[in-house]
Amino acid sequence: MRFWTLISSDCKRNVSFGDKSVCDVFCVTQSMNPLPVVLFVYGGAWGSGDKSMYSSFCYQVSSQGFVVMAPNYTYFPETEIDGMIDQIKESILWCHRNSKCVD
């Protein structure tokens, strides 16, 4: 089985992952071993919300032995759906670039 993992020992806020895009990365569990990553994309009807609204949830998931990445993304009318999708793709790529794949 393969896991994408991000090795970290704390929670980081407003980490840049692309052009003007930021995420919060939660890693509550102290571990010498890599931890699996959960990418949490919140809903907001394409027009509202913020990653910070879900910090408590992300913290809870992280406390169960996961690294959680929660990206923000741009809404209507500043961008179209394609722009939102591109930002989420950027966040996935960031996870891959900053993670280690282990068998």
Protein backbone atom coordinates (compact mmCIF):
# COMPACT_ATOMS: atom_id res chain seq x y z
CA MET A 1 0.00 0.00 0.00
CA ARG A 2 1.26 3.48 -0.78
CA PHE A 3 0.74 6.55 1.39
CA TRP A 4 1.61 10.14 0.65
CA THR A 5 2.98 11.51 3.84
CA LEU A 6 4.12 14.85 5.13
CA ILE A 7 6.60 14.71 7.96
CA SER A 8 5.99 17.56 10.38
CA SER A 9 5.55 18.07 14.10
CA ASP A 10 3.32 21.11 14.43
CA CYS A 11 0.48 23.14 12.89
CA LYS A 12 1.34 25.77 10.32
CA ARG A 13 -1.03 28.55 9.25
CA ASN A 14 -1.17 30.35 5.91
CA VAL A 15 1.42 28.23 4.14
CA SER A 16 1.83 29.39 0.55
CA PHE A 17 1.18 26.70 -2.05
CA GLY A 18 0.75 28.74 -5.24
CA ASP A 19 0.07 32.19 -6.64
CA LYS A 20 -1.69 33.99 -3.76
CA SER A 21 -2.96 30.64 -2.43
CA VAL A 22 -2.52 29.58 1.19
CA CYS A 23 -3.37 26.58 3.31
CA ASP A 24 -3.24 25.50 6.93
CA VAL A 25 -1.33 22.29 7.69
CA PHE A 26 -2.25 20.43 10.88
CA CYS A 27 0.05 17.79 12.33
CA VAL A 28 -0.88 17.31 15.95
CA THR A 29 0.48 13.78 16.34
CA GLN A 30 4.17 13.55 17.19
CA SER A 31 5.59 10.66 15.18
CA MET A 32 8.97 9.41 14.03
CA ASN A 33 7.13 7.68 11.18
CA PRO A 34 5.48 9.36 8.20
CA LEU A 35 1.78 10.09 8.58
CA PRO A 36 -0.92 9.87 5.90
CA VAL A 37 -2.21 13.17 4.51
CA VAL A 38 -5.85 14.23 4.33
CA LEU A 39 -6.64 17.09 1.94
CA PHE A 40 -9.71 18.86 3.36
CA VAL A 41 -11.55 21.01 0.80
CA TYR A 42 -14.46 22.80 2.45
CA GLY A 43 -17.69 23.78 0.70
CA GLY A 44 -19.10 27.25 0.53
CA ALA A 45 -21.45 27.31 -2.45
CA TRP A 46 -18.58 28.78 -4.48
CA GLY A 47 -19.04 32.12 -2.76
CA SER A 48 -18.18 32.02 0.94
CA GLY A 49 -16.22 30.33 3.68
CA ASP A 50 -12.67 30.14 4.88
CA LYS A 51 -10.32 27.36 5.94
CA SER A 52 -10.18 28.84 9.43
CA MET A 53 -13.87 27.98 9.95
CA TYR A 54 -12.86 24.31 9.98
CA SER A 55 -9.74 24.47 12.17
CA SER A 56 -11.40 22.54 14.99
CA PHE A 57 -12.43 19.74 12.61
CA CYS A 58 -8.97 19.60 11.02
CA TYR A 59 -7.37 19.51 14.45
CA GLN A 60 -9.61 16.59 15.46
CA VAL A 61 -8.73 14.62 12.30
CA SER A 62 -5.04 15.36 12.79
CA SER A 63 -5.18 14.14 16.37
CA GLN A 64 -6.15 10.71 15.02
CA GLY A 65 -2.76 10.29 13.34
CA PHE A 66 -3.10 12.26 10.10
CA VAL A 67 -1.57 15.34 8.59
CA VAL A 68 -4.41 17.59 7.38
CA MET A 69 -3.99 20.22 4.67
CA ALA A 70 -6.84 22.74 4.39
CA PRO A 71 -6.44 25.10 1.40
CA ASN A 72 -8.30 28.33 0.79
CA TYR A 73 -9.48 29.07 -2.72
CA THR A 74 -10.93 32.04 -4.61
CA TYR A 75 -14.72 32.37 -5.05
CA PHE A 76 -17.17 33.94 -7.47
CA PRO A 77 -17.09 36.61 -8.82
CA GLU A 78 -13.28 36.91 -8.57
CA THR A 79 -12.87 33.62 -10.47
CA GLU A 80 -14.85 30.99 -12.31
CA ILE A 81 -15.13 27.30 -11.39
CA ASP A 82 -12.05 26.50 -13.50
CA GLY A 83 -10.01 28.88 -11.33
CA MET A 84 -11.21 27.16 -8.15
CA ILE A 85 -10.37 23.75 -9.60
CA ASP A 86 -6.92 24.96 -10.61
CA GLN A 87 -6.22 26.16 -7.06
CA ILE A 88 -7.25 22.82 -5.58
CA LYS A 89 -5.04 21.07 -8.15
CA GLU A 90 -2.18 23.31 -7.00
CA SER A 91 -2.81 22.23 -3.40
CA ILE A 92 -2.66 18.55 -4.40
CA LEU A 93 0.60 19.12 -6.26
CA TRP A 94 2.00 20.95 -3.22
CA CYS A 95 1.17 17.89 -1.08
CA HIS A 96 2.98 15.64 -3.53
CA ARG A 97 6.04 17.90 -3.70
CA ASN A 98 6.28 18.25 0.07
CA SER A 99 5.55 14.64 0.95
CA LYS A 100 7.37 11.36 0.85
CA CYS A 101 5.90 8.26 -0.72
CA VAL A 102 6.51 5.10 1.27
CA ASP A 103 5.60 1.48 0.53
